[in-house]
Amino acid sequence: MAEALKVAVRVRPFNQREKDRDAKLVIDMQGPTTIISHPDTGEEKKFTFDYSYWSHDEFDTEENGYMVPSGPKYADQQKVFNDLGVGLLENAWKGFNCCVFAYGQTGSGKSYSIVGYGENKGIIPLTCADLFRRVAETQNETTAYQVQVTMLEIYNEKLRDLLNPKTAADQLKIRNNASGMYVENIREVA
């Protein structure tokens, strides 16, 4: 059965600016629960999601650049893919339209989780690699596949076509018809 929605949060390592300012870590994660502690009083607020990924520390960087767990809490890119990307791929394989939505402030780690960098490939490249591996393994004279992809960024209430960045934001409009929601004039790659 297809899942309607999964919600995951991920904490990233401090960036250089945060290190230079001696930022205090106020986040902890225990299973699916994210705990935020007030930096002065220590008062805690707990929030439970489908997944809470700890990627702040407890990792080593291999020679090729891949970050591997060195402790039990660390969630590497493969862990995130196994939890989120595999289900996405299974639903797409059954013919469902699928969507990955990343939300957060600038610099919070959305692009790393979704796209990744270097050997640390994110959900989208890992999903695509597995999808096209499956297509190659199962396609034959009687079975053909069609994959269609769009990539959209919404930033400051403006739409941006990530597969055709030259498209002006005012050309992209969110529309609704009998089939559902769609973005008018977005580039669709098949």
N, C-alpha and C. Protein backbone atom coordinates (compact mmCIF):
# COMPACT_ATOMS: atom_id res chain seq x y z
N MET A 1 0.84 -1.18 0.00
CA MET A 1 0.00 0.00 0.00
C MET A 1 0.88 1.25 0.00
N ALA A 2 0.48 2.26 -0.71
CA ALA A 2 1.24 3.50 -0.80
C ALA A 2 1.05 4.34 0.46
N GLU A 3 2.13 4.92 0.95
CA GLU A 3 2.03 5.83 2.08
C GLU A 3 1.67 7.20 1.55
N ALA A 4 0.88 7.94 2.30
CA ALA A 4 0.50 9.28 1.87
C ALA A 4 1.59 10.29 2.20
N LEU A 5 2.21 10.17 3.38
CA LEU A 5 3.14 11.20 3.81
C LEU A 5 4.05 10.65 4.91
N LYS A 6 5.34 10.99 4.80
CA LYS A 6 6.29 10.74 5.88
C LYS A 6 6.98 12.06 6.18
N VAL A 7 7.20 12.32 7.46
CA VAL A 7 7.87 13.56 7.86
C VAL A 7 9.15 13.19 8.59
N ALA A 8 10.25 13.77 8.12
CA ALA A 8 11.56 13.52 8.72
C ALA A 8 12.26 14.85 8.97
N VAL A 9 13.05 14.90 10.02
CA VAL A 9 13.90 16.06 10.30
C VAL A 9 15.33 15.56 10.45
N ARG A 10 16.27 16.46 10.17
CA ARG A 10 17.68 16.07 10.22
C ARG A 10 18.49 17.23 10.77
N VAL A 11 19.39 16.95 11.68
CA VAL A 11 20.29 17.98 12.20
C VAL A 11 21.65 17.76 11.55
N ARG A 12 22.22 18.84 11.04
CA ARG A 12 23.50 18.79 10.35
C ARG A 12 24.62 19.22 11.28
N PRO A 13 25.87 19.00 10.87
CA PRO A 13 26.99 19.52 11.68
C PRO A 13 26.99 21.05 11.68
N PHE A 14 27.64 21.64 12.67
CA PHE A 14 27.81 23.08 12.68
C PHE A 14 28.62 23.49 11.46
N ASN A 15 28.25 24.61 10.85
CA ASN A 15 29.07 25.16 9.77
C ASN A 15 30.17 26.02 10.40
N GLN A 16 31.06 26.55 9.58
CA GLN A 16 32.20 27.30 10.12
C GLN A 16 31.76 28.54 10.88
N ARG A 17 30.75 29.21 10.38
CA ARG A 17 30.25 30.40 11.06
C ARG A 17 29.76 30.05 12.46
N GLU A 18 29.05 28.96 12.59
CA GLU A 18 28.54 28.54 13.90
C GLU A 18 29.68 28.14 14.82
N LYS A 19 30.69 27.48 14.27
CA LYS A 19 31.87 27.12 15.08
C LYS A 19 32.60 28.36 15.56
N ASP A 20 32.77 29.33 14.66
CA ASP A 20 33.47 30.57 15.02
C ASP A 20 32.75 31.33 16.12
N ARG A 21 31.44 31.19 16.18
CA ARG A 21 30.64 31.89 17.19
C ARG A 21 30.43 31.05 18.45
N ASP A 22 31.11 29.89 18.51
CA ASP A 22 30.95 28.97 19.65
C ASP A 22 29.48 28.64 19.90
N ALA A 23 28.78 28.29 18.81
CA ALA A 23 27.36 27.95 18.91
C ALA A 23 27.16 26.80 19.89
N LYS A 24 26.06 26.85 20.59
CA LYS A 24 25.71 25.81 21.56
C LYS A 24 24.73 24.84 20.90
N LEU A 25 24.99 23.56 21.01
CA LEU A 25 24.08 22.56 20.46
C LEU A 25 22.86 22.45 21.37
N VAL A 26 21.69 22.70 20.81
CA VAL A 26 20.45 22.67 21.59
C VAL A 26 19.49 21.59 21.09
N ILE A 27 19.96 20.75 20.19
CA ILE A 27 19.13 19.70 19.61
C ILE A 27 19.66 18.34 20.04
N ASP A 28 18.76 17.44 20.34
CA ASP A 28 19.12 16.04 20.54
C ASP A 28 18.04 15.21 19.85
N MET A 29 18.39 14.01 19.50
CA MET A 29 17.43 13.12 18.84
C MET A 29 17.51 11.75 19.48
N GLN A 30 16.35 11.23 19.78
CA GLN A 30 16.23 9.90 20.37
C GLN A 30 15.15 9.17 19.59
N GLY A 31 15.56 8.25 18.73
CA GLY A 31 14.60 7.57 17.88
C GLY A 31 13.90 8.59 17.01
N PRO A 32 12.57 8.55 16.93
CA PRO A 32 11.84 9.50 16.09
C PRO A 32 11.60 10.86 16.77
N THR A 33 12.09 11.02 18.00
CA THR A 33 11.83 12.23 18.76
C THR A 33 12.99 13.21 18.67
N THR A 34 12.66 14.45 18.37
CA THR A 34 13.63 15.55 18.36
C THR A 34 13.38 16.39 19.61
N ILE A 35 14.46 16.65 20.35
CA ILE A 35 14.37 17.39 21.60
C ILE A 35 15.12 18.70 21.43
N ILE A 36 14.44 19.81 21.69
CA ILE A 36 15.05 21.12 21.62
C ILE A 36 15.13 21.67 23.03
N SER A 37 16.34 22.05 23.45
CA SER A 37 16.55 22.57 24.80
C SER A 37 16.81 24.07 24.74
N HIS A 38 16.18 24.81 25.62
CA HIS A 38 16.42 26.25 25.71
C HIS A 38 17.88 26.44 26.13
N PRO A 39 18.64 27.28 25.43
CA PRO A 39 20.07 27.40 25.72
C PRO A 39 20.39 27.96 27.10
N ASP A 40 19.49 28.70 27.71
CA ASP A 40 19.76 29.28 29.03
C ASP A 40 19.12 28.49 30.16
N THR A 41 17.86 28.09 29.98
CA THR A 41 17.13 27.45 31.08
C THR A 41 17.21 25.92 31.03
N GLY A 42 17.52 25.38 29.85
CA GLY A 42 17.54 23.93 29.70
C GLY A 42 16.16 23.33 29.52
N GLU A 43 15.11 24.16 29.55
CA GLU A 43 13.75 23.66 29.34
C GLU A 43 13.69 22.94 27.99
N GLU A 44 13.05 21.77 28.00
CA GLU A 44 13.00 20.94 26.79
C GLU A 44 11.61 20.94 26.17
N LYS A 45 11.60 20.91 24.84
CA LYS A 45 10.39 20.69 24.06
C LYS A 45 10.66 19.46 23.20
N LYS A 46 9.71 18.53 23.16
CA LYS A 46 9.88 17.31 22.40
C LYS A 46 8.88 17.26 21.25
N PHE A 47 9.38 16.84 20.10
CA PHE A 47 8.56 16.72 18.90
C PHE A 47 8.83 15.36 18.28
N THR A 48 7.79 14.64 17.93
CA THR A 48 7.96 13.32 17.35
C THR A 48 7.55 13.33 15.88
N PHE A 49 8.41 12.77 15.05
CA PHE A 49 8.22 12.70 13.61
C PHE A 49 8.31 11.23 13.19
N ASP A 50 8.12 10.95 11.92
CA ASP A 50 8.35 9.59 11.45
C ASP A 50 9.83 9.22 11.62
N TYR A 51 10.70 10.20 11.34
CA TYR A 51 12.14 9.98 11.47
C TYR A 51 12.80 11.25 12.00
N SER A 52 13.72 11.10 12.92
CA SER A 52 14.59 12.18 13.37
C SER A 52 16.02 11.71 13.12
N TYR A 53 16.71 12.36 12.20
CA TYR A 53 18.06 11.93 11.78
C TYR A 53 19.12 12.80 12.43
N TRP A 54 20.02 12.13 13.14
CA TRP A 54 21.16 12.80 13.75
C TRP A 54 22.33 12.70 12.78
N SER A 55 22.75 13.85 12.25
CA SER A 55 23.91 13.88 11.37
C SER A 55 24.88 14.98 11.81
N HIS A 56 24.79 15.37 13.08
CA HIS A 56 25.62 16.45 13.61
C HIS A 56 27.06 16.01 13.84
N ASP A 57 27.24 14.83 14.38
CA ASP A 57 28.58 14.30 14.64
C ASP A 57 28.50 12.77 14.64
N GLU A 58 29.49 12.11 15.17
CA GLU A 58 29.57 10.64 15.19
C GLU A 58 29.75 10.07 13.77
N PHE A 59 30.60 10.74 12.96
CA PHE A 59 30.92 10.21 11.64
C PHE A 59 32.40 10.39 11.36
N ASP A 60 32.90 9.52 10.49
CA ASP A 60 34.26 9.62 9.95
C ASP A 60 34.14 9.82 8.45
N THR A 61 35.10 10.51 7.88
CA THR A 61 35.10 10.73 6.44
C THR A 61 36.10 9.77 5.80
N GLU A 62 35.59 8.92 4.91
CA GLU A 62 36.46 7.97 4.21
C GLU A 62 37.35 8.71 3.22
N GLU A 63 38.35 8.01 2.71
CA GLU A 63 39.29 8.60 1.77
C GLU A 63 38.59 9.19 0.55
N ASN A 64 37.50 8.54 0.11
CA ASN A 64 36.77 9.03 -1.07
C ASN A 64 35.80 10.18 -0.73
N GLY A 65 35.71 10.56 0.54
CA GLY A 65 34.86 11.67 0.94
C GLY A 65 33.53 11.26 1.55
N TYR A 66 33.18 9.96 1.48
CA TYR A 66 31.90 9.53 2.04
C TYR A 66 31.96 9.56 3.57
N MET A 67 30.91 10.08 4.18
CA MET A 67 30.83 10.16 5.63
C MET A 67 30.11 8.94 6.17
N VAL A 68 30.81 8.14 6.97
CA VAL A 68 30.27 6.89 7.51
C VAL A 68 30.07 7.03 9.02
N PRO A 69 29.08 6.34 9.54
CA PRO A 69 28.85 6.40 10.98
C PRO A 69 30.05 5.90 11.78
N SER A 70 30.39 6.63 12.85
CA SER A 70 31.39 6.15 13.81
C SER A 70 30.73 5.95 15.17
N GLY A 71 29.45 6.24 15.24
CA GLY A 71 28.68 6.07 16.47
C GLY A 71 27.27 5.63 16.12
N PRO A 72 26.51 5.21 17.10
CA PRO A 72 25.18 4.64 16.83
C PRO A 72 24.13 5.64 16.36
N LYS A 73 24.31 6.94 16.62
CA LYS A 73 23.26 7.91 16.28
C LYS A 73 23.34 8.41 14.84
N TYR A 74 24.52 8.39 14.24
CA TYR A 74 24.72 9.07 12.97
C TYR A 74 23.90 8.45 11.83
N ALA A 75 23.18 9.30 11.10
CA ALA A 75 22.40 8.86 9.94
C ALA A 75 23.13 9.33 8.68
N ASP A 76 23.71 8.39 7.94
CA ASP A 76 24.37 8.76 6.69
C ASP A 76 23.35 8.82 5.56
N GLN A 77 23.82 9.18 4.36
CA GLN A 77 22.91 9.33 3.23
C GLN A 77 22.21 8.02 2.89
N GLN A 78 22.89 6.91 3.05
CA GLN A 78 22.28 5.62 2.74
C GLN A 78 21.13 5.31 3.70
N LYS A 79 21.28 5.66 4.97
CA LYS A 79 20.22 5.46 5.97
C LYS A 79 18.98 6.28 5.60
N VAL A 80 19.20 7.54 5.23
CA VAL A 80 18.08 8.41 4.84
C VAL A 80 17.40 7.84 3.60
N PHE A 81 18.20 7.40 2.62
CA PHE A 81 17.62 6.80 1.41
C PHE A 81 16.84 5.53 1.75
N ASN A 82 17.40 4.67 2.59
CA ASN A 82 16.71 3.43 2.93
C ASN A 82 15.35 3.71 3.58
N ASP A 83 15.29 4.71 4.42
CA ASP A 83 14.05 5.04 5.11
C ASP A 83 13.05 5.79 4.24
N LEU A 84 13.53 6.70 3.41
CA LEU A 84 12.64 7.58 2.65
C LEU A 84 12.63 7.29 1.16
N GLY A 85 13.80 7.11 0.58
CA GLY A 85 13.89 6.91 -0.87
C GLY A 85 13.36 5.58 -1.34
N VAL A 86 13.57 4.52 -0.58
CA VAL A 86 13.11 3.19 -1.00
C VAL A 86 11.58 3.17 -1.09
N GLY A 87 10.90 3.75 -0.12
CA GLY A 87 9.44 3.81 -0.16
C GLY A 87 8.95 4.66 -1.33
N LEU A 88 9.64 5.76 -1.57
CA LEU A 88 9.33 6.61 -2.73
C LEU A 88 9.46 5.81 -4.02
N LEU A 89 10.54 5.08 -4.14
CA LEU A 89 10.79 4.27 -5.33
C LEU A 89 9.75 3.16 -5.47
N GLU A 90 9.41 2.49 -4.38
CA GLU A 90 8.40 1.42 -4.44
C GLU A 90 7.06 1.96 -4.92
N ASN A 91 6.68 3.14 -4.43
CA ASN A 91 5.41 3.74 -4.86
C ASN A 91 5.46 4.16 -6.32
N ALA A 92 6.58 4.71 -6.76
CA ALA A 92 6.72 5.09 -8.17
C ALA A 92 6.66 3.84 -9.05
N TRP A 93 7.28 2.78 -8.59
CA TRP A 93 7.30 1.52 -9.33
C TRP A 93 5.88 0.95 -9.51
N LYS A 94 5.01 1.25 -8.56
CA LYS A 94 3.61 0.81 -8.64
C LYS A 94 2.76 1.76 -9.49
N GLY A 95 3.37 2.82 -10.00
CA GLY A 95 2.67 3.73 -10.88
C GLY A 95 2.13 4.99 -10.22
N PHE A 96 2.44 5.18 -8.95
CA PHE A 96 1.98 6.39 -8.26
C PHE A 96 2.89 7.57 -8.57
N ASN A 97 2.31 8.75 -8.64
CA ASN A 97 3.11 9.97 -8.70
C ASN A 97 3.73 10.16 -7.33
N CYS A 98 4.98 10.59 -7.30
CA CYS A 98 5.69 10.75 -6.03
C CYS A 98 6.31 12.13 -5.94
N CYS A 99 6.48 12.59 -4.72
CA CYS A 99 7.03 13.91 -4.48
C CYS A 99 7.92 13.87 -3.25
N VAL A 100 9.05 14.57 -3.33
CA VAL A 100 9.90 14.79 -2.17
C VAL A 100 9.87 16.29 -1.93
N PHE A 101 9.60 16.68 -0.71
CA PHE A 101 9.50 18.09 -0.35
C PHE A 101 10.47 18.37 0.78
N ALA A 102 11.40 19.29 0.57
CA ALA A 102 12.36 19.67 1.61
C ALA A 102 12.07 21.10 2.03
N TYR A 103 11.99 21.32 3.32
CA TYR A 103 11.66 22.63 3.85
C TYR A 103 12.66 23.00 4.93
N GLY A 104 13.08 24.25 4.93
CA GLY A 104 13.97 24.73 5.97
C GLY A 104 14.63 26.02 5.55
N GLN A 105 15.28 26.65 6.52
CA GLN A 105 15.92 27.93 6.20
C GLN A 105 17.17 27.70 5.36
N THR A 106 17.64 28.77 4.74
CA THR A 106 18.85 28.71 3.93
C THR A 106 20.01 28.17 4.77
N GLY A 107 20.72 27.20 4.21
CA GLY A 107 21.88 26.63 4.90
C GLY A 107 21.56 25.54 5.89
N SER A 108 20.32 25.07 5.92
CA SER A 108 19.94 24.08 6.92
C SER A 108 20.25 22.63 6.51
N GLY A 109 20.62 22.41 5.24
CA GLY A 109 20.99 21.07 4.81
C GLY A 109 20.02 20.40 3.87
N LYS A 110 19.07 21.14 3.33
CA LYS A 110 18.08 20.56 2.42
C LYS A 110 18.74 19.98 1.18
N SER A 111 19.59 20.76 0.52
CA SER A 111 20.24 20.30 -0.71
C SER A 111 21.10 19.08 -0.46
N TYR A 112 21.79 19.05 0.68
CA TYR A 112 22.63 17.89 1.01
C TYR A 112 21.77 16.64 1.13
N SER A 113 20.64 16.72 1.83
CA SER A 113 19.78 15.54 1.99
C SER A 113 19.14 15.12 0.68
N ILE A 114 18.72 16.07 -0.12
CA ILE A 114 17.99 15.76 -1.35
C ILE A 114 18.93 15.40 -2.50
N VAL A 115 19.96 16.21 -2.72
CA VAL A 115 20.86 15.99 -3.85
C VAL A 115 22.20 15.40 -3.40
N GLY A 116 22.72 15.88 -2.27
CA GLY A 116 24.01 15.44 -1.78
C GLY A 116 25.14 16.14 -2.50
N TYR A 117 26.35 15.65 -2.24
CA TYR A 117 27.51 16.14 -2.98
C TYR A 117 28.59 15.07 -2.93
N GLY A 118 29.39 15.03 -4.02
CA GLY A 118 30.46 14.04 -4.11
C GLY A 118 29.94 12.63 -3.91
N GLU A 119 30.64 11.88 -3.08
CA GLU A 119 30.25 10.49 -2.79
C GLU A 119 29.02 10.41 -1.89
N ASN A 120 28.66 11.50 -1.27
CA ASN A 120 27.51 11.54 -0.36
C ASN A 120 26.25 11.88 -1.15
N LYS A 121 25.83 10.97 -2.01
CA LYS A 121 24.68 11.21 -2.86
C LYS A 121 23.40 11.24 -2.02
N GLY A 122 22.49 12.14 -2.40
CA GLY A 122 21.25 12.31 -1.66
C GLY A 122 20.13 11.41 -2.16
N ILE A 123 18.94 11.67 -1.67
CA ILE A 123 17.77 10.84 -1.98
C ILE A 123 17.50 10.77 -3.48
N ILE A 124 17.55 11.88 -4.18
CA ILE A 124 17.19 11.90 -5.60
C ILE A 124 18.18 11.09 -6.45
N PRO A 125 19.49 11.34 -6.38
CA PRO A 125 20.38 10.52 -7.21
C PRO A 125 20.37 9.03 -6.84
N LEU A 126 20.23 8.70 -5.56
CA LEU A 126 20.16 7.29 -5.18
C LEU A 126 18.88 6.65 -5.68
N THR A 127 17.77 7.38 -5.62
CA THR A 127 16.50 6.87 -6.13
C THR A 127 16.58 6.66 -7.64
N CYS A 128 17.12 7.64 -8.36
CA CYS A 128 17.24 7.53 -9.82
C CYS A 128 18.12 6.35 -10.21
N ALA A 129 19.25 6.18 -9.53
CA ALA A 129 20.15 5.07 -9.85
C ALA A 129 19.43 3.74 -9.67
N ASP A 130 18.70 3.59 -8.58
CA ASP A 130 17.98 2.34 -8.32
C ASP A 130 16.83 2.16 -9.31
N LEU A 131 16.12 3.23 -9.62
CA LEU A 131 15.02 3.17 -10.58
C LEU A 131 15.52 2.70 -11.95
N PHE A 132 16.58 3.32 -12.45
CA PHE A 132 17.06 2.96 -13.78
C PHE A 132 17.75 1.59 -13.79
N ARG A 133 18.28 1.16 -12.64
CA ARG A 133 18.79 -0.22 -12.55
C ARG A 133 17.64 -1.20 -12.70
N ARG A 134 16.53 -0.93 -12.02
CA ARG A 134 15.35 -1.80 -12.12
C ARG A 134 14.79 -1.82 -13.54
N VAL A 135 14.74 -0.66 -14.17
CA VAL A 135 14.24 -0.59 -15.55
C VAL A 135 15.10 -1.46 -16.45
N ALA A 136 16.41 -1.33 -16.33
CA ALA A 136 17.32 -2.11 -17.18
C ALA A 136 17.16 -3.61 -16.94
N GLU A 137 16.89 -4.00 -15.70
CA GLU A 137 16.75 -5.41 -15.36
C GLU A 137 15.42 -6.01 -15.83
N THR A 138 14.39 -5.20 -15.96
CA THR A 138 13.05 -5.76 -16.23
C THR A 138 12.46 -5.38 -17.59
N GLN A 139 13.05 -4.41 -18.26
CA GLN A 139 12.50 -4.01 -19.56
C GLN A 139 12.74 -5.10 -20.59
N ASN A 140 11.73 -5.37 -21.41
CA ASN A 140 11.86 -6.37 -22.47
C ASN A 140 10.92 -5.99 -23.62
N GLU A 141 10.68 -6.94 -24.52
CA GLU A 141 9.86 -6.64 -25.70
C GLU A 141 8.42 -6.28 -25.34
N THR A 142 7.92 -6.77 -24.22
CA THR A 142 6.52 -6.54 -23.85
C THR A 142 6.36 -5.51 -22.73
N THR A 143 7.46 -5.08 -22.14
CA THR A 143 7.38 -4.14 -21.03
C THR A 143 8.26 -2.93 -21.33
N ALA A 144 7.65 -1.76 -21.27
CA ALA A 144 8.39 -0.51 -21.46
C ALA A 144 8.04 0.43 -20.31
N TYR A 145 8.93 1.34 -20.02
CA TYR A 145 8.74 2.27 -18.92
C TYR A 145 8.87 3.70 -19.41
N GLN A 146 8.17 4.60 -18.74
CA GLN A 146 8.33 6.02 -18.99
C GLN A 146 8.49 6.70 -17.64
N VAL A 147 9.55 7.47 -17.52
CA VAL A 147 9.83 8.21 -16.29
C VAL A 147 9.77 9.69 -16.63
N GLN A 148 9.00 10.45 -15.87
CA GLN A 148 8.90 11.89 -16.06
C GLN A 148 9.29 12.58 -14.77
N VAL A 149 10.08 13.65 -14.89
CA VAL A 149 10.60 14.33 -13.71
C VAL A 149 10.47 15.84 -13.88
N THR A 150 10.10 16.51 -12.80
CA THR A 150 10.19 17.96 -12.70
C THR A 150 10.88 18.26 -11.38
N MET A 151 11.56 19.39 -11.31
CA MET A 151 12.18 19.83 -10.06
C MET A 151 11.87 21.31 -9.88
N LEU A 152 11.29 21.63 -8.75
CA LEU A 152 10.80 22.97 -8.49
C LEU A 152 11.34 23.46 -7.15
N GLU A 153 11.75 24.72 -7.12
CA GLU A 153 12.13 25.37 -5.88
C GLU A 153 11.13 26.48 -5.61
N ILE A 154 10.68 26.57 -4.38
CA ILE A 154 9.85 27.70 -3.95
C ILE A 154 10.66 28.44 -2.90
N TYR A 155 11.02 29.67 -3.21
CA TYR A 155 11.85 30.46 -2.30
C TYR A 155 11.28 31.88 -2.27
N ASN A 156 10.99 32.38 -1.08
CA ASN A 156 10.37 33.69 -0.93
C ASN A 156 9.12 33.83 -1.80
N GLU A 157 8.34 32.77 -1.82
CA GLU A 157 7.07 32.71 -2.56
C GLU A 157 7.24 32.84 -4.07
N LYS A 158 8.44 32.62 -4.55
CA LYS A 158 8.70 32.62 -6.00
C LYS A 158 9.05 31.20 -6.43
N LEU A 159 8.54 30.81 -7.59
CA LEU A 159 8.80 29.49 -8.14
C LEU A 159 10.01 29.54 -9.05
N ARG A 160 10.82 28.48 -9.01
CA ARG A 160 11.97 28.38 -9.90
C ARG A 160 12.05 26.96 -10.43
N ASP A 161 12.13 26.84 -11.75
CA ASP A 161 12.25 25.55 -12.43
C ASP A 161 13.72 25.14 -12.37
N LEU A 162 14.03 24.12 -11.58
CA LEU A 162 15.42 23.71 -11.41
C LEU A 162 15.98 22.96 -12.62
N LEU A 163 15.10 22.48 -13.51
CA LEU A 163 15.56 21.82 -14.73
C LEU A 163 15.66 22.80 -15.90
N ASN A 164 15.14 23.99 -15.73
CA ASN A 164 15.25 25.04 -16.74
C ASN A 164 15.31 26.39 -16.02
N PRO A 165 16.45 26.71 -15.39
CA PRO A 165 16.53 27.92 -14.57
C PRO A 165 16.32 29.23 -15.34
N LYS A 166 16.35 29.18 -16.67
CA LYS A 166 16.14 30.40 -17.45
C LYS A 166 14.67 30.80 -17.54
N THR A 167 13.78 29.88 -17.16
CA THR A 167 12.35 30.21 -17.16
C THR A 167 12.10 31.27 -16.10
N ALA A 168 11.48 32.37 -16.50
CA ALA A 168 11.18 33.46 -15.57
C ALA A 168 10.16 33.00 -14.54
N ALA A 169 10.35 33.44 -13.31
CA ALA A 169 9.47 33.04 -12.21
C ALA A 169 8.02 33.40 -12.49
N ASP A 170 7.78 34.51 -13.17
CA ASP A 170 6.38 34.90 -13.42
C ASP A 170 5.71 34.05 -14.49
N GLN A 171 6.49 33.21 -15.18
CA GLN A 171 5.91 32.29 -16.16
C GLN A 171 5.40 31.01 -15.50
N LEU A 172 5.87 30.72 -14.30
CA LEU A 172 5.47 29.50 -13.59
C LEU A 172 4.28 29.81 -12.69
N LYS A 173 3.21 29.08 -12.89
CA LYS A 173 1.99 29.30 -12.11
C LYS A 173 1.50 27.95 -11.57
N ILE A 174 1.12 27.93 -10.31
CA ILE A 174 0.51 26.73 -9.74
C ILE A 174 -0.96 26.74 -10.13
N ARG A 175 -1.38 25.65 -10.74
CA ARG A 175 -2.76 25.53 -11.24
C ARG A 175 -3.39 24.28 -10.66
N ASN A 176 -4.70 24.22 -10.79
CA ASN A 176 -5.46 23.06 -10.33
C ASN A 176 -6.48 22.72 -11.42
N ASN A 177 -6.58 21.43 -11.75
CA ASN A 177 -7.62 20.99 -12.68
C ASN A 177 -8.22 19.70 -12.16
N ALA A 178 -9.02 19.03 -12.96
CA ALA A 178 -9.68 17.80 -12.52
C ALA A 178 -8.69 16.70 -12.13
N SER A 179 -7.49 16.75 -12.70
CA SER A 179 -6.46 15.74 -12.39
C SER A 179 -5.68 16.08 -11.13
N GLY A 180 -5.76 17.32 -10.68
CA GLY A 180 -5.03 17.72 -9.47
C GLY A 180 -4.19 18.96 -9.70
N MET A 181 -3.21 19.15 -8.82
CA MET A 181 -2.34 20.32 -8.88
C MET A 181 -1.23 20.09 -9.90
N TYR A 182 -0.81 21.17 -10.55
CA TYR A 182 0.33 21.12 -11.45
C TYR A 182 0.93 22.52 -11.57
N VAL A 183 2.15 22.58 -12.10
CA VAL A 183 2.81 23.85 -12.33
C VAL A 183 2.85 24.11 -13.82
N GLU A 184 2.19 25.18 -14.23
CA GLU A 184 2.13 25.55 -15.63
C GLU A 184 3.51 26.05 -16.08
N ASN A 185 3.94 25.60 -17.26
CA ASN A 185 5.18 26.00 -17.92
C ASN A 185 6.45 25.42 -17.28
N ILE A 186 6.34 24.46 -16.39
CA ILE A 186 7.53 23.84 -15.82
C ILE A 186 8.08 22.82 -16.82
N ARG A 187 9.39 22.69 -16.85
CA ARG A 187 10.00 21.73 -17.76
C ARG A 187 9.85 20.32 -17.18
N GLU A 188 9.35 19.44 -18.00
CA GLU A 188 9.20 18.04 -17.62
C GLU A 188 10.15 17.23 -18.48
N VAL A 189 11.03 16.49 -17.84
CA VAL A 189 12.01 15.68 -18.55
C VAL A 189 11.55 14.23 -18.50
N ALA A 190 11.53 13.60 -19.66
CA ALA A 190 11.08 12.20 -19.73
C ALA A 190 12.22 11.32 -20.19
